[in-house]
């Protein structure tokens, strides 16, 4: 695979509507987890989430881009516009470009469809149904983004639960690195909805308080929402226009542990295989890794299995590698999590600063990692991993390197 640069980043999260606000608050150790107001959480075990600010419209996009758009699509449109602007690239339906678009897809317009169903059950009008169901398919946000920005190259939507947009970034890097296109837009978007909230509550996988990844007191995750979008470019294309990259995508690994629909394989052997596969595909060694952006959901089983996997791969050296999770600050953003976390990892490399694990205070012998408590830690990062270990055993790890 040829060199692939990350030249643009767009973020919409519970910590802010843009990249810089999110990074600044994340680095300070702040959390975006708070009372859920998007819908009534009465009757659920918990009433909190990492709810992102209502997405505003991108002024440069035509009104047609937002016609019948759901919340997830609006997050994706905003993050894509920001990523392209950050990269110094412009694309629109009026001036299309043959660039690829690879996105992680999740609930899409399910929140809006739930509103329609609730209204119909109350005897409300039926006429609005067609409009509110347009964004229900999981590929609707990526299709809407492709149309809005005139992206006429390969378009794919990946749905592998919480590893969706991690795999999307890896696939996009392969497309660019293989010479099929010069530029790709990759990442994911997802939005909170009642069905997702009910599902995780019914599994007893949520904490009543904000999530505490890797902490001895952890009791479960906090759900989140938002979008993370990266612009990937070939080395030649980026150099020709004088682009300033954040980092490089060196490779990725994707495996399945074939163990259980919701529980992780407890020994860490399956996830260790994913990490080793990623390192091998990137052509780097475990001794070169400076930072791991962990999956860190804050569930008792998941965090322990994840740390066991790292122990298998890195051995005693694990004590020297910071392993932080942004889910204590941004919540678990499901199919958007990997894109958001890949963006944060690229920023950590570019800014020589490792983000902290919000909520972490008490070490757990089952999670023997340096979780970076408090605020961001200044540290040169030449090579980093961004890991996603999802339901159904769908696991993926990205390997990002310094652009220097």
Protein backbone atom coordinates (compact mmCIF):
# COMPACT_ATOMS: atom_id res chain seq x y z
CA UNK A 1 0.00 0.00 0.00
CA UNK A 2 1.36 3.41 -0.95
CA UNK A 3 1.64 6.18 1.61
CA UNK A 4 -1.72 7.59 2.74
CA UNK A 5 -1.88 10.91 4.53
CA UNK A 6 -4.61 12.28 6.79
CA UNK A 7 -4.94 15.89 5.67
CA UNK A 8 -8.31 16.93 7.06
CA UNK A 9 -10.34 16.23 10.19
CA UNK A 10 -13.94 17.08 11.06
CA UNK A 11 -15.55 16.35 14.41
CA UNK A 12 -18.99 16.79 15.95
CA UNK A 13 -19.21 15.44 19.50
CA UNK A 14 -20.82 15.97 22.88
CA UNK A 15 -17.87 18.22 23.75
CA UNK A 16 -18.46 20.56 20.86
CA UNK A 17 -19.69 21.09 17.29
CA UNK A 18 -16.20 21.20 15.80
CA UNK A 19 -12.70 19.75 15.91
CA UNK A 20 -10.95 22.41 17.99
CA UNK A 21 -13.62 22.72 20.68
CA UNK A 22 -13.74 18.96 21.04
CA UNK A 23 -9.94 18.65 21.27
CA UNK A 24 -9.55 21.53 23.72
CA UNK A 25 -12.16 20.23 26.14
CA UNK A 26 -11.01 16.64 25.73
CA UNK A 27 -7.43 17.61 26.55
CA UNK A 28 -8.62 19.38 29.69
CA UNK A 29 -10.23 16.17 30.91
CA UNK A 30 -13.81 17.44 30.57
CA UNK A 31 -16.74 15.12 29.95
CA UNK A 32 -19.70 15.65 27.66
CA UNK A 33 -21.82 13.07 29.46
CA UNK A 34 -24.89 14.59 31.14
CA UNK A 35 -28.69 14.51 31.33
CA UNK A 36 -30.38 13.13 28.22
CA UNK A 37 -32.84 15.66 26.76
CA UNK A 38 -33.30 14.34 23.22
CA UNK A 39 -36.16 12.11 24.39
CA UNK A 40 -37.74 11.17 27.71
CA UNK A 41 -35.56 8.55 29.47
CA UNK A 42 -38.23 7.73 32.04
CA UNK A 43 -38.42 4.00 32.68
CA UNK A 44 -34.80 3.31 31.74
CA UNK A 45 -32.08 2.35 34.21
CA UNK A 46 -30.12 5.51 33.41
CA UNK A 47 -31.02 8.99 32.24
CA UNK A 48 -27.67 10.25 30.95
CA UNK A 49 -25.81 10.22 27.62
CA UNK A 50 -23.13 12.11 25.70
CA UNK A 51 -25.63 14.09 23.64
CA UNK A 52 -24.11 16.27 20.93
CA UNK A 53 -25.35 19.82 20.30
CA UNK A 54 -28.12 20.09 17.71
CA UNK A 55 -26.40 20.11 14.32
CA UNK A 56 -26.67 23.38 12.45
CA UNK A 57 -26.77 23.67 8.69
CA UNK A 58 -23.57 24.13 6.70
CA UNK A 59 -24.05 27.48 4.98
CA UNK A 60 -22.21 26.45 1.82
CA UNK A 61 -24.47 23.46 1.16
CA UNK A 62 -27.72 23.77 -0.78
CA UNK A 63 -30.97 23.40 1.09
CA UNK A 64 -31.60 20.19 -0.84
CA UNK A 65 -28.79 18.52 1.12
CA UNK A 66 -30.95 18.78 4.23
CA UNK A 67 -34.30 17.87 2.71
CA UNK A 68 -35.78 15.24 5.06
CA UNK A 69 -32.34 14.77 6.65
CA UNK A 70 -32.13 13.07 10.02
CA UNK A 71 -29.91 13.91 12.95
CA UNK A 72 -27.17 11.44 11.96
CA UNK A 73 -27.01 12.83 8.42
CA UNK A 74 -26.73 16.39 9.75
CA UNK A 75 -23.80 15.37 11.97
CA UNK A 76 -22.11 13.73 8.98
CA UNK A 77 -22.66 16.68 6.66
CA UNK A 78 -21.15 19.09 9.20
CA UNK A 79 -18.13 16.92 9.93
CA UNK A 80 -17.48 16.25 6.23
CA UNK A 81 -17.65 19.94 5.35
CA UNK A 82 -15.22 20.71 8.16
CA UNK A 83 -12.81 17.95 7.14
CA UNK A 84 -12.71 19.04 3.49
CA UNK A 85 -12.23 22.69 4.48
CA UNK A 86 -9.48 21.68 6.91
CA UNK A 87 -7.73 19.80 4.11
CA UNK A 88 -8.03 22.78 1.80
CA UNK A 89 -10.17 20.80 -0.63
CA UNK A 90 -13.51 21.81 -2.06
CA UNK A 91 -16.11 19.59 -3.65
CA UNK A 92 -19.79 20.02 -4.38
CA UNK A 93 -22.56 18.59 -6.48
CA UNK A 94 -21.87 21.44 -8.93
CA UNK A 95 -18.16 20.59 -9.19
CA UNK A 96 -17.90 16.87 -8.51
CA UNK A 97 -14.68 14.95 -7.91
CA UNK A 98 -13.97 11.23 -8.38
CA UNK A 99 -13.11 10.74 -4.71
CA UNK A 100 -14.11 7.77 -2.61
CA UNK A 101 -16.50 7.87 0.34
CA UNK A 102 -16.37 5.10 2.96
CA UNK A 103 -18.55 5.53 6.03
CA UNK A 104 -19.60 3.58 9.06
CA UNK A 105 -23.39 3.39 9.21
CA UNK A 106 -25.56 2.80 12.25
CA UNK A 107 -28.95 4.03 13.37
CA UNK A 108 -29.14 6.63 10.59
CA UNK A 109 -32.67 8.12 10.68
CA UNK A 110 -34.10 5.77 13.28
CA UNK A 111 -34.67 8.56 15.82
CA UNK A 112 -36.90 10.41 13.34
CA UNK A 113 -38.71 7.19 12.41
CA UNK A 114 -39.43 6.58 16.09
CA UNK A 115 -41.06 10.00 16.26
CA UNK A 116 -43.25 9.16 13.30
CA UNK A 117 -44.27 5.83 14.83
CA UNK A 118 -45.11 7.45 18.16
CA UNK A 119 -47.27 10.04 16.43
CA UNK A 120 -49.11 7.41 14.38
CA UNK A 121 -49.79 5.36 17.52
CA UNK A 122 -51.37 8.49 19.00
CA UNK A 123 -53.53 8.83 15.90
CA UNK A 124 -51.49 11.65 14.33
CA UNK A 125 -51.31 12.43 10.60
CA UNK A 126 -49.78 9.90 8.26
CA UNK A 127 -48.63 12.27 5.54
CA UNK A 128 -45.27 13.15 7.11
CA UNK A 129 -44.25 9.49 7.30
CA UNK A 130 -42.58 9.32 3.91
CA UNK A 131 -40.40 12.30 4.71
CA UNK A 132 -39.38 10.97 8.13
CA UNK A 133 -38.51 7.52 6.81
CA UNK A 134 -36.17 8.68 4.03
CA UNK A 135 -33.06 8.46 6.22
CA UNK A 136 -33.84 5.10 7.86
CA UNK A 137 -31.50 2.93 5.69
CA UNK A 138 -28.03 2.63 7.20
CA UNK A 139 -26.43 3.96 4.03
CA UNK A 140 -28.64 7.07 3.92
CA UNK A 141 -26.14 9.43 5.63
CA UNK A 142 -23.27 8.40 3.35
CA UNK A 143 -25.48 8.60 0.26
CA UNK A 144 -26.62 12.06 1.33
CA UNK A 145 -23.02 13.17 1.93
CA UNK A 146 -21.90 11.80 -1.43
CA UNK A 147 -24.64 13.72 -3.22
CA UNK A 148 -24.06 16.95 -1.30
CA UNK A 149 -20.32 17.04 -1.95
CA UNK A 150 -20.26 15.53 -5.43
CA UNK A 151 -18.18 12.49 -4.48
CA UNK A 152 -18.46 10.30 -7.57
CA UNK A 153 -15.86 7.66 -6.73
CA UNK A 154 -16.43 4.37 -4.91
CA UNK A 155 -18.99 4.66 -2.13
CA UNK A 156 -19.35 2.11 0.67
CA UNK A 157 -21.19 1.90 3.97
CA UNK A 158 -19.77 -0.44 6.59
CA UNK A 159 -21.99 -1.80 9.37
CA UNK A 160 -20.06 -3.95 11.81
CA UNK A 161 -21.37 -2.46 15.05
CA UNK A 162 -18.81 -0.43 17.01
CA UNK A 163 -15.94 -1.17 14.60
CA UNK A 164 -17.83 0.16 11.57
CA UNK A 165 -16.01 3.43 11.00
CA UNK A 166 -12.63 2.01 12.05
CA UNK A 167 -12.96 -0.48 9.21
CA UNK A 168 -14.27 2.32 6.97
CA UNK A 169 -11.05 4.32 7.49
CA UNK A 170 -8.97 1.20 6.86
CA UNK A 171 -10.82 0.38 3.64
CA UNK A 172 -10.55 3.96 2.43
CA UNK A 173 -6.81 3.89 3.06
CA UNK A 174 -6.54 0.71 0.99
CA UNK A 175 -8.42 2.34 -1.88
CA UNK A 176 -6.16 5.40 -1.81
CA UNK A 177 -2.97 3.45 -1.18
CA UNK A 178 -3.79 1.05 -3.99
CA UNK A 179 -4.07 3.93 -6.46
CA UNK A 180 -7.78 3.55 -7.21
CA UNK A 181 -8.42 7.15 -6.15
CA UNK A 182 -6.25 10.03 -4.97
CA UNK A 183 -8.60 11.22 -2.22
CA UNK A 184 -11.09 9.53 0.07
CA UNK A 185 -13.49 10.81 2.71
CA UNK A 186 -13.82 8.30 5.54
CA UNK A 187 -15.31 8.01 9.00
CA UNK A 188 -18.77 7.63 10.43
CA UNK A 189 -21.82 9.21 11.98
CA UNK A 190 -24.40 7.95 14.43
CA UNK A 191 -27.19 9.41 16.52
CA UNK A 192 -28.91 8.51 19.75
CA UNK A 193 -32.32 6.91 19.52
CA UNK A 194 -34.76 5.16 21.81
CA UNK A 195 -34.11 1.67 20.42
CA UNK A 196 -30.36 1.85 21.03
CA UNK A 197 -30.88 3.34 24.47
CA UNK A 198 -33.38 0.64 25.39
CA UNK A 199 -31.14 -2.12 24.07
CA UNK A 200 -28.10 -1.20 26.13
CA UNK A 201 -30.26 -0.57 29.18
CA UNK A 202 -31.85 -4.01 28.83
CA UNK A 203 -28.38 -5.58 28.66
CA UNK A 204 -27.50 -3.78 31.91
CA UNK A 205 -24.46 -2.49 30.00
CA UNK A 206 -24.88 1.16 31.03
CA UNK A 207 -23.64 2.94 34.14
CA UNK A 208 -26.01 5.12 36.15
CA UNK A 209 -23.15 7.61 36.43
CA UNK A 210 -20.81 8.79 33.65
CA UNK A 211 -18.62 6.01 32.27
CA UNK A 212 -15.25 5.34 33.91
CA UNK A 213 -13.11 3.38 31.41
CA UNK A 214 -10.45 1.07 32.88
CA UNK A 215 -11.38 2.21 36.42
CA UNK A 216 -11.97 -0.25 39.26
CA UNK A 217 -15.39 1.37 39.89
CA UNK A 218 -16.65 1.04 36.32
CA UNK A 219 -20.18 -0.26 35.95
CA UNK A 220 -20.89 0.19 32.27
CA UNK A 221 -20.81 2.55 29.33
CA UNK A 222 -22.47 5.86 28.55
CA UNK A 223 -24.00 6.12 25.09
CA UNK A 224 -22.95 8.98 22.82
CA UNK A 225 -23.45 10.38 19.34
CA UNK A 226 -21.71 12.50 16.74
CA UNK A 227 -19.47 12.18 13.70
CA UNK A 228 -15.79 11.85 12.91
CA UNK A 229 -14.56 12.37 9.34
CA UNK A 230 -11.06 12.18 7.90
CA UNK A 231 -9.75 13.20 4.49
CA UNK A 232 -7.22 10.67 3.21
CA UNK A 233 -4.87 11.51 0.35
CA UNK A 234 -2.18 9.75 -1.58
CA UNK A 235 1.33 10.97 -0.88
CA UNK A 236 1.72 12.30 -4.43
CA UNK A 237 -1.59 14.19 -4.42
CA UNK A 238 -0.95 15.76 -1.03
CA UNK A 239 2.62 16.77 -1.83
CA UNK A 240 1.65 18.25 -5.20
CA UNK A 241 -0.65 20.76 -3.54
CA UNK A 242 1.51 21.38 -0.47
CA UNK A 243 -0.89 19.82 2.03
CA UNK A 244 0.07 19.68 5.71
CA UNK A 245 -0.81 16.22 7.05
CA UNK A 246 -1.75 15.26 10.59
CA UNK A 247 -0.55 11.69 10.30
CA UNK A 248 -0.32 8.68 8.00
CA UNK A 249 -2.49 5.57 7.86
CA UNK A 250 0.00 2.72 7.85
CA UNK A 251 -2.47 -0.16 7.88
CA UNK A 252 -5.26 -1.87 9.74
CA UNK A 253 -6.33 -5.29 10.91
CA UNK A 254 -9.84 -6.73 11.11
CA UNK A 255 -10.79 -10.08 12.64
CA UNK A 256 -13.74 -11.80 14.30
CA UNK A 257 -13.52 -13.80 17.51
CA UNK A 258 -16.62 -15.95 16.72
CA UNK A 259 -17.38 -16.15 20.44
CA UNK A 260 -20.63 -14.40 21.40
CA UNK A 261 -23.09 -11.80 20.10
CA UNK A 262 -22.41 -9.33 22.92
CA UNK A 263 -19.70 -10.70 25.22
CA UNK A 264 -15.97 -10.48 24.49
CA UNK A 265 -13.72 -13.53 24.45
CA UNK A 266 -12.36 -13.13 28.01
CA UNK A 267 -8.74 -14.25 27.64
CA UNK A 268 -7.83 -11.45 25.22
CA UNK A 269 -6.44 -13.95 22.71
CA UNK A 270 -8.93 -12.96 19.98
CA UNK A 271 -8.30 -9.24 20.27
CA UNK A 272 -4.55 -9.80 20.51
CA UNK A 273 -4.85 -11.43 17.09
CA UNK A 274 -6.46 -8.26 15.74
CA UNK A 275 -3.65 -6.09 17.09
CA UNK A 276 -0.97 -8.38 15.69
CA UNK A 277 -2.71 -8.47 12.32
CA UNK A 278 -2.79 -4.66 12.21
CA UNK A 279 0.89 -4.35 13.12
CA UNK A 280 1.88 -6.97 10.54
CA UNK A 281 -0.13 -5.31 7.77
CA UNK A 282 1.41 -1.95 8.65
CA UNK A 283 4.90 -3.48 8.62
CA UNK A 284 5.79 -2.27 12.11
CA UNK A 285 6.67 -3.95 15.39
CA UNK A 286 5.00 -3.90 18.78
CA UNK A 287 8.11 -2.23 20.18
CA UNK A 288 7.42 0.86 18.03
CA UNK A 289 3.98 1.72 19.47
CA UNK A 290 3.94 4.94 21.53
CA UNK A 291 0.22 5.27 22.30
CA UNK A 292 -3.00 3.26 22.15
CA UNK A 293 -6.40 4.90 21.79
CA UNK A 294 -8.31 2.04 23.37
CA UNK A 295 -11.86 0.86 22.87
CA UNK A 296 -12.38 1.33 26.61
CA UNK A 297 -16.16 1.02 26.92
CA UNK A 298 -16.07 0.91 30.75
CA UNK A 299 -17.95 -2.38 30.98
CA UNK A 300 -16.46 -4.88 33.40
CA UNK A 301 -15.84 -7.63 30.85
CA UNK A 302 -14.82 -5.50 27.87
CA UNK A 303 -12.10 -3.47 29.59
CA UNK A 304 -10.54 -6.53 31.22
CA UNK A 305 -10.46 -8.51 27.96
CA UNK A 306 -9.01 -5.54 26.10
CA UNK A 307 -6.21 -5.05 28.60
CA UNK A 308 -5.50 -8.79 28.54
CA UNK A 309 -5.12 -8.55 24.76
CA UNK A 310 -2.60 -5.74 25.06
CA UNK A 311 -0.70 -7.73 27.69
CA UNK A 312 -0.40 -10.63 25.27
CA UNK A 313 0.97 -8.40 22.50
CA UNK A 314 3.20 -5.97 24.42
CA UNK A 315 4.16 -7.95 27.51
CA UNK A 316 6.06 -5.99 30.16
CA UNK A 317 6.37 -3.03 27.77
CA UNK A 318 2.64 -2.32 28.17
CA UNK A 319 3.50 -0.39 31.35
CA UNK A 320 5.37 2.14 29.19
CA UNK A 321 2.54 2.73 26.69
CA UNK A 322 -0.27 5.19 27.52
CA UNK A 323 -3.65 3.58 26.86
CA UNK A 324 -6.53 6.04 27.08
CA UNK A 325 -10.22 5.93 26.18
CA UNK A 326 -12.19 8.95 25.02
CA UNK A 327 -15.48 7.25 25.85
CA UNK A 328 -15.38 8.70 29.35
CA UNK A 329 -15.67 12.11 27.69
CA UNK A 330 -17.52 11.50 24.43
CA UNK A 331 -19.56 8.43 25.34
CA UNK A 332 -19.75 5.34 23.18
CA UNK A 333 -20.71 6.72 19.78
CA UNK A 334 -21.34 3.25 18.35
CA UNK A 335 -20.87 3.16 14.55
CA UNK A 336 -19.26 6.63 14.65
CA UNK A 337 -16.89 5.73 17.50
CA UNK A 338 -14.05 4.47 15.31
CA UNK A 339 -14.03 7.54 13.08
CA UNK A 340 -14.10 9.91 16.03
CA UNK A 341 -11.34 7.99 17.81
CA UNK A 342 -9.18 7.74 14.68
CA UNK A 343 -9.47 11.52 14.36
CA UNK A 344 -8.46 11.99 18.00
CA UNK A 345 -5.51 9.62 17.52
CA UNK A 346 -4.33 11.59 14.48
CA UNK A 347 -4.56 14.81 16.51
CA UNK A 348 -2.56 13.18 19.33
CA UNK A 349 0.21 12.37 16.85
CA UNK A 350 0.20 15.81 15.22
CA UNK A 351 0.10 17.70 18.50
CA UNK A 352 2.38 15.43 20.54
CA UNK A 353 -0.27 15.16 23.24
CA UNK A 354 -1.99 12.05 24.58
CA UNK A 355 -5.65 12.64 25.53
CA UNK A 356 -6.76 11.55 29.00
CA UNK A 357 -9.37 9.05 30.13
CA UNK A 358 -12.14 11.13 31.69
CA UNK A 359 -13.63 9.44 34.74
CA UNK A 360 -10.56 7.33 35.52
CA UNK A 361 -9.36 7.64 39.12
CA UNK A 362 -8.85 4.19 40.68
CA UNK A 363 -6.63 1.59 39.04
CA UNK A 364 -7.94 -1.94 38.59
CA UNK A 365 -5.59 -4.97 38.69
CA UNK A 366 -7.68 -6.41 35.83
CA UNK A 367 -6.76 -3.38 33.70
CA UNK A 368 -3.02 -2.84 34.25
CA UNK A 369 -2.60 0.07 31.85
CA UNK A 370 -1.48 3.68 32.10
CA UNK A 371 -4.91 5.21 31.46
CA UNK A 372 -3.69 8.84 31.47
CA UNK A 373 -5.79 10.28 34.31
CA UNK A 374 -6.62 13.97 34.57
CA UNK A 375 -5.57 16.07 31.60
CA UNK A 376 -3.72 15.45 28.34
CA UNK A 377 -0.08 14.43 28.65
CA UNK A 378 2.60 15.99 26.43
CA UNK A 379 4.35 13.12 24.67
CA UNK A 380 5.89 12.58 21.23
CA UNK A 381 3.81 10.00 19.39
CA UNK A 382 5.44 8.47 16.33
CA UNK A 383 3.20 5.42 16.09
CA UNK A 384 -0.27 4.87 17.57
CA UNK A 385 -3.10 2.38 17.48
CA UNK A 386 -6.82 3.14 17.42
CA UNK A 387 -8.77 0.08 18.52
CA UNK A 388 -12.42 -0.94 18.19
CA UNK A 389 -13.69 -4.23 19.61
CA UNK A 390 -17.36 -4.58 18.72
CA UNK A 391 -20.42 -6.71 19.38
CA UNK A 392 -20.52 -9.93 17.41
CA UNK A 393 -16.74 -10.20 17.69
CA UNK A 394 -16.16 -7.61 14.93
CA UNK A 395 -12.74 -6.22 15.81
CA UNK A 396 -10.54 -3.70 14.03
CA UNK A 397 -7.36 -1.80 14.81
CA UNK A 398 -5.87 1.10 12.84
CA UNK A 399 -2.14 1.85 12.83
CA UNK A 400 -1.36 5.55 12.42
CA UNK A 401 2.12 7.04 12.14
CA UNK A 402 3.76 10.42 12.24
CA UNK A 403 3.78 12.36 9.00
CA UNK A 404 7.29 13.64 9.70
